[in-house]
N, C-alpha and C. Protein backbone atom coordinates (compact mmCIF):
# COMPACT_ATOMS: atom_id res chain seq x y z
N UNK A 1 0.82 -1.19 0.00
CA UNK A 1 0.00 0.00 0.00
C UNK A 1 0.87 1.25 0.00
N UNK A 2 1.99 1.24 0.71
CA UNK A 2 2.85 2.41 0.81
C UNK A 2 3.34 2.88 -0.55
N UNK A 3 3.79 1.96 -1.39
CA UNK A 3 4.30 2.33 -2.71
C UNK A 3 3.17 2.85 -3.58
N UNK A 4 2.02 2.20 -3.55
CA UNK A 4 0.88 2.66 -4.35
C UNK A 4 0.45 4.05 -3.91
N UNK A 5 0.41 4.30 -2.61
CA UNK A 5 0.02 5.62 -2.11
C UNK A 5 1.04 6.67 -2.50
N UNK A 6 2.32 6.34 -2.38
CA UNK A 6 3.35 7.33 -2.72
C UNK A 6 3.30 7.69 -4.20
N UNK A 7 2.90 6.75 -5.05
CA UNK A 7 2.77 7.04 -6.48
C UNK A 7 1.71 8.10 -6.75
N UNK A 8 0.71 8.19 -5.88
CA UNK A 8 -0.35 9.21 -6.05
C UNK A 8 0.20 10.62 -5.88
N UNK A 9 1.37 10.75 -5.23
CA UNK A 9 1.93 12.07 -4.94
C UNK A 9 3.22 12.32 -5.72
N UNK A 10 3.46 11.54 -6.75
CA UNK A 10 4.70 11.68 -7.51
C UNK A 10 4.80 13.00 -8.26
N UNK A 11 3.67 13.69 -8.46
CA UNK A 11 3.67 14.97 -9.17
C UNK A 11 4.01 16.15 -8.25
N UNK A 12 4.10 15.92 -6.95
CA UNK A 12 4.41 16.99 -6.01
C UNK A 12 5.91 17.25 -5.94
N UNK A 13 6.31 18.44 -5.49
CA UNK A 13 7.75 18.73 -5.35
C UNK A 13 8.41 17.73 -4.40
N UNK A 14 9.68 17.42 -4.64
CA UNK A 14 10.40 16.48 -3.76
C UNK A 14 10.33 16.92 -2.30
N UNK A 15 10.05 15.97 -1.43
CA UNK A 15 10.00 16.25 0.00
C UNK A 15 8.65 16.71 0.50
N UNK A 16 7.71 16.99 -0.39
CA UNK A 16 6.38 17.44 0.04
C UNK A 16 5.66 16.32 0.80
N UNK A 17 5.72 15.11 0.26
CA UNK A 17 5.14 13.94 0.91
C UNK A 17 6.17 12.82 0.83
N UNK A 18 6.50 12.26 1.98
CA UNK A 18 7.46 11.16 2.04
C UNK A 18 6.86 10.03 2.87
N UNK A 19 6.93 8.83 2.36
CA UNK A 19 6.47 7.66 3.09
C UNK A 19 7.69 6.88 3.57
N UNK A 20 7.62 6.40 4.78
CA UNK A 20 8.70 5.58 5.34
C UNK A 20 8.09 4.50 6.21
N UNK A 21 8.81 3.42 6.37
CA UNK A 21 8.35 2.37 7.27
C UNK A 21 9.48 1.99 8.21
N UNK A 22 9.09 1.59 9.42
CA UNK A 22 10.05 1.22 10.45
C UNK A 22 9.64 -0.13 11.02
N UNK A 23 10.57 -1.04 11.10
CA UNK A 23 10.34 -2.32 11.77
C UNK A 23 10.52 -2.06 13.26
N UNK A 24 9.41 -1.93 13.97
CA UNK A 24 9.46 -1.56 15.40
C UNK A 24 10.03 -2.67 16.28
N UNK A 25 10.00 -3.92 15.82
CA UNK A 25 10.62 -5.00 16.58
C UNK A 25 12.14 -4.85 16.56
N UNK A 26 12.66 -4.36 15.45
CA UNK A 26 14.11 -4.16 15.34
C UNK A 26 14.55 -2.78 15.80
N UNK A 27 13.60 -1.87 15.92
CA UNK A 27 13.90 -0.49 16.32
C UNK A 27 13.00 -0.06 17.47
N UNK A 28 13.08 -0.71 18.61
CA UNK A 28 12.17 -0.41 19.72
C UNK A 28 12.33 1.02 20.27
N UNK A 29 13.49 1.61 20.11
CA UNK A 29 13.70 2.98 20.58
C UNK A 29 12.80 3.95 19.81
N UNK A 30 12.72 3.74 18.51
CA UNK A 30 11.85 4.59 17.68
C UNK A 30 10.39 4.36 18.04
N UNK A 31 10.01 3.11 18.21
CA UNK A 31 8.62 2.78 18.57
C UNK A 31 8.25 3.45 19.89
N UNK A 32 9.14 3.40 20.85
CA UNK A 32 8.87 4.02 22.15
C UNK A 32 8.82 5.53 22.04
N UNK A 33 9.75 6.12 21.30
CA UNK A 33 9.81 7.58 21.15
C UNK A 33 8.50 8.13 20.58
N UNK A 34 7.90 7.41 19.63
CA UNK A 34 6.70 7.90 18.96
C UNK A 34 5.43 7.17 19.41
N UNK A 35 5.50 6.48 20.53
CA UNK A 35 4.33 5.81 21.13
C UNK A 35 3.63 4.86 20.17
N UNK A 36 4.41 4.06 19.48
CA UNK A 36 3.84 3.05 18.59
C UNK A 36 3.69 1.77 19.39
N UNK A 37 2.43 1.37 19.61
CA UNK A 37 2.20 0.16 20.39
C UNK A 37 1.23 -0.81 19.71
N UNK A 38 0.84 -0.48 18.49
CA UNK A 38 0.02 -1.39 17.69
C UNK A 38 0.41 -1.20 16.24
N UNK A 39 0.16 -2.24 15.45
CA UNK A 39 0.61 -2.20 14.05
C UNK A 39 -0.57 -2.45 13.11
N UNK A 40 -0.65 -1.81 11.96
CA UNK A 40 0.24 -0.72 11.55
C UNK A 40 -0.18 0.59 12.18
N UNK A 41 0.76 1.46 12.38
CA UNK A 41 0.51 2.81 12.89
C UNK A 41 1.04 3.80 11.87
N UNK A 42 0.24 4.78 11.53
CA UNK A 42 0.65 5.80 10.56
C UNK A 42 0.79 7.13 11.28
N UNK A 43 1.98 7.66 11.32
CA UNK A 43 2.27 8.94 11.97
C UNK A 43 2.49 9.99 10.89
N UNK A 44 2.11 11.21 11.20
CA UNK A 44 2.26 12.31 10.26
C UNK A 44 3.24 13.32 10.86
N UNK A 45 4.22 13.72 10.04
CA UNK A 45 5.18 14.75 10.44
C UNK A 45 5.02 15.93 9.50
N UNK A 46 5.07 17.12 10.04
CA UNK A 46 5.02 18.34 9.23
C UNK A 46 6.26 19.15 9.58
N UNK A 47 7.07 19.44 8.56
CA UNK A 47 8.33 20.17 8.76
C UNK A 47 9.20 19.50 9.81
N UNK A 48 9.22 18.18 9.80
CA UNK A 48 10.06 17.42 10.72
C UNK A 48 9.49 17.24 12.11
N UNK A 49 8.32 17.79 12.37
CA UNK A 49 7.70 17.69 13.70
C UNK A 49 6.47 16.78 13.64
N UNK A 50 6.37 15.90 14.61
CA UNK A 50 5.22 15.01 14.70
C UNK A 50 3.97 15.83 15.02
N UNK A 51 2.92 15.66 14.22
CA UNK A 51 1.67 16.35 14.54
C UNK A 51 0.80 15.41 15.36
N UNK A 52 -0.11 15.98 16.10
CA UNK A 52 -0.92 15.19 17.02
C UNK A 52 -1.89 14.26 16.31
N UNK A 53 -2.36 14.67 15.14
CA UNK A 53 -3.37 13.88 14.45
C UNK A 53 -2.74 12.65 13.80
N UNK A 54 -3.14 11.50 14.26
CA UNK A 54 -2.66 10.23 13.72
C UNK A 54 -3.71 9.69 12.76
N UNK A 55 -3.27 9.08 11.67
CA UNK A 55 -4.22 8.52 10.71
C UNK A 55 -4.90 7.30 11.30
N UNK A 56 -6.22 7.35 11.36
CA UNK A 56 -6.99 6.24 11.90
C UNK A 56 -8.07 5.78 10.92
N UNK A 57 -7.94 6.21 9.68
CA UNK A 57 -8.95 5.89 8.69
C UNK A 57 -8.77 4.52 8.07
N UNK A 58 -9.55 4.29 7.04
CA UNK A 58 -9.54 3.03 6.31
C UNK A 58 -8.16 2.79 5.71
N UNK A 59 -7.73 1.56 5.71
CA UNK A 59 -6.41 1.20 5.18
C UNK A 59 -6.51 0.89 3.69
N UNK A 60 -6.80 1.93 2.93
CA UNK A 60 -6.83 1.79 1.47
C UNK A 60 -6.02 2.94 0.88
N UNK A 61 -5.55 2.74 -0.33
CA UNK A 61 -4.74 3.77 -0.99
C UNK A 61 -5.54 5.06 -1.15
N UNK A 62 -6.78 4.96 -1.60
CA UNK A 62 -7.58 6.16 -1.84
C UNK A 62 -7.87 6.92 -0.55
N UNK A 63 -8.20 6.20 0.52
CA UNK A 63 -8.49 6.86 1.80
C UNK A 63 -7.24 7.53 2.35
N UNK A 64 -6.11 6.86 2.26
CA UNK A 64 -4.86 7.45 2.74
C UNK A 64 -4.48 8.66 1.90
N UNK A 65 -4.64 8.57 0.59
CA UNK A 65 -4.32 9.70 -0.29
C UNK A 65 -5.20 10.90 0.03
N UNK A 66 -6.47 10.68 0.28
CA UNK A 66 -7.38 11.78 0.64
C UNK A 66 -6.93 12.44 1.94
N UNK A 67 -6.57 11.64 2.92
CA UNK A 67 -6.11 12.17 4.20
C UNK A 67 -4.83 13.00 4.02
N UNK A 68 -3.88 12.46 3.27
CA UNK A 68 -2.62 13.18 3.05
C UNK A 68 -2.87 14.48 2.29
N UNK A 69 -3.75 14.45 1.30
CA UNK A 69 -4.09 15.67 0.56
C UNK A 69 -4.61 16.75 1.51
N UNK A 70 -5.48 16.37 2.42
CA UNK A 70 -6.02 17.34 3.38
C UNK A 70 -4.93 17.89 4.29
N UNK A 71 -3.99 17.03 4.67
CA UNK A 71 -2.92 17.46 5.57
C UNK A 71 -1.92 18.39 4.88
N UNK A 72 -1.80 18.29 3.56
CA UNK A 72 -0.81 19.10 2.85
C UNK A 72 -1.39 20.38 2.26
N UNK A 73 -2.68 20.58 2.41
CA UNK A 73 -3.28 21.81 1.90
C UNK A 73 -2.88 22.99 2.76
N UNK A 74 -2.69 24.11 2.13
CA UNK A 74 -2.32 25.33 2.84
C UNK A 74 -3.50 25.84 3.66
N UNK A 75 -3.22 26.35 4.84
CA UNK A 75 -4.26 26.94 5.67
C UNK A 75 -4.30 28.46 5.51
N UNK A 76 -3.47 28.98 4.63
CA UNK A 76 -3.43 30.42 4.38
C UNK A 76 -4.58 30.80 3.45
N UNK A 77 -5.29 31.86 3.81
CA UNK A 77 -6.39 32.34 2.98
C UNK A 77 -6.06 33.74 2.49
N UNK A 78 -6.42 34.04 1.26
CA UNK A 78 -6.22 35.37 0.68
C UNK A 78 -7.57 36.07 0.59
N UNK A 79 -7.54 37.37 0.81
CA UNK A 79 -8.75 38.18 0.72
C UNK A 79 -8.50 39.32 -0.25
N UNK A 80 -9.49 39.61 -1.08
CA UNK A 80 -9.32 40.64 -2.10
C UNK A 80 -9.60 42.04 -1.58
N UNK A 81 -10.22 42.13 -0.40
CA UNK A 81 -10.51 43.45 0.16
C UNK A 81 -10.59 43.37 1.67
N UNK A 82 -10.51 44.52 2.31
CA UNK A 82 -10.65 44.58 3.76
C UNK A 82 -12.06 44.14 4.18
N UNK A 83 -13.03 44.43 3.33
CA UNK A 83 -14.40 44.03 3.62
C UNK A 83 -14.55 42.51 3.66
N UNK A 84 -13.91 41.83 2.71
CA UNK A 84 -13.95 40.36 2.71
C UNK A 84 -13.31 39.80 3.97
N UNK A 85 -12.21 40.41 4.38
CA UNK A 85 -11.53 39.98 5.60
C UNK A 85 -12.41 40.22 6.81
N UNK A 86 -13.03 41.39 6.88
CA UNK A 86 -13.90 41.73 8.01
C UNK A 86 -15.07 40.75 8.11
N UNK A 87 -15.64 40.36 6.96
CA UNK A 87 -16.74 39.40 6.97
C UNK A 87 -16.29 38.05 7.49
N UNK A 88 -15.09 37.65 7.16
CA UNK A 88 -14.57 36.36 7.61
C UNK A 88 -14.31 36.37 9.11
N UNK A 89 -13.84 37.49 9.63
CA UNK A 89 -13.53 37.60 11.06
C UNK A 89 -14.80 37.60 11.89
N UNK A 90 -15.83 38.29 11.41
CA UNK A 90 -17.09 38.39 12.16
C UNK A 90 -17.86 37.15 12.04
């Protein structure tokens, strides 16, 4: 599933989305550091920092791709006028 999911993001700039796997039996220090106690566990990092939201959705390529797309969308909003901004704030 990891390779199929990563292929969905091959059009993005390098480093935008990276998939990795860790054998927690061979790397218990990593498992402990990131509180991995069941398998499989999918952790999300943004700019090298672990984010609190862990993927708990369906284990399918499409569901994972949708989740990753939502996580990589910008939260910055542009406004064409002060009035538009004021309406959004109120």
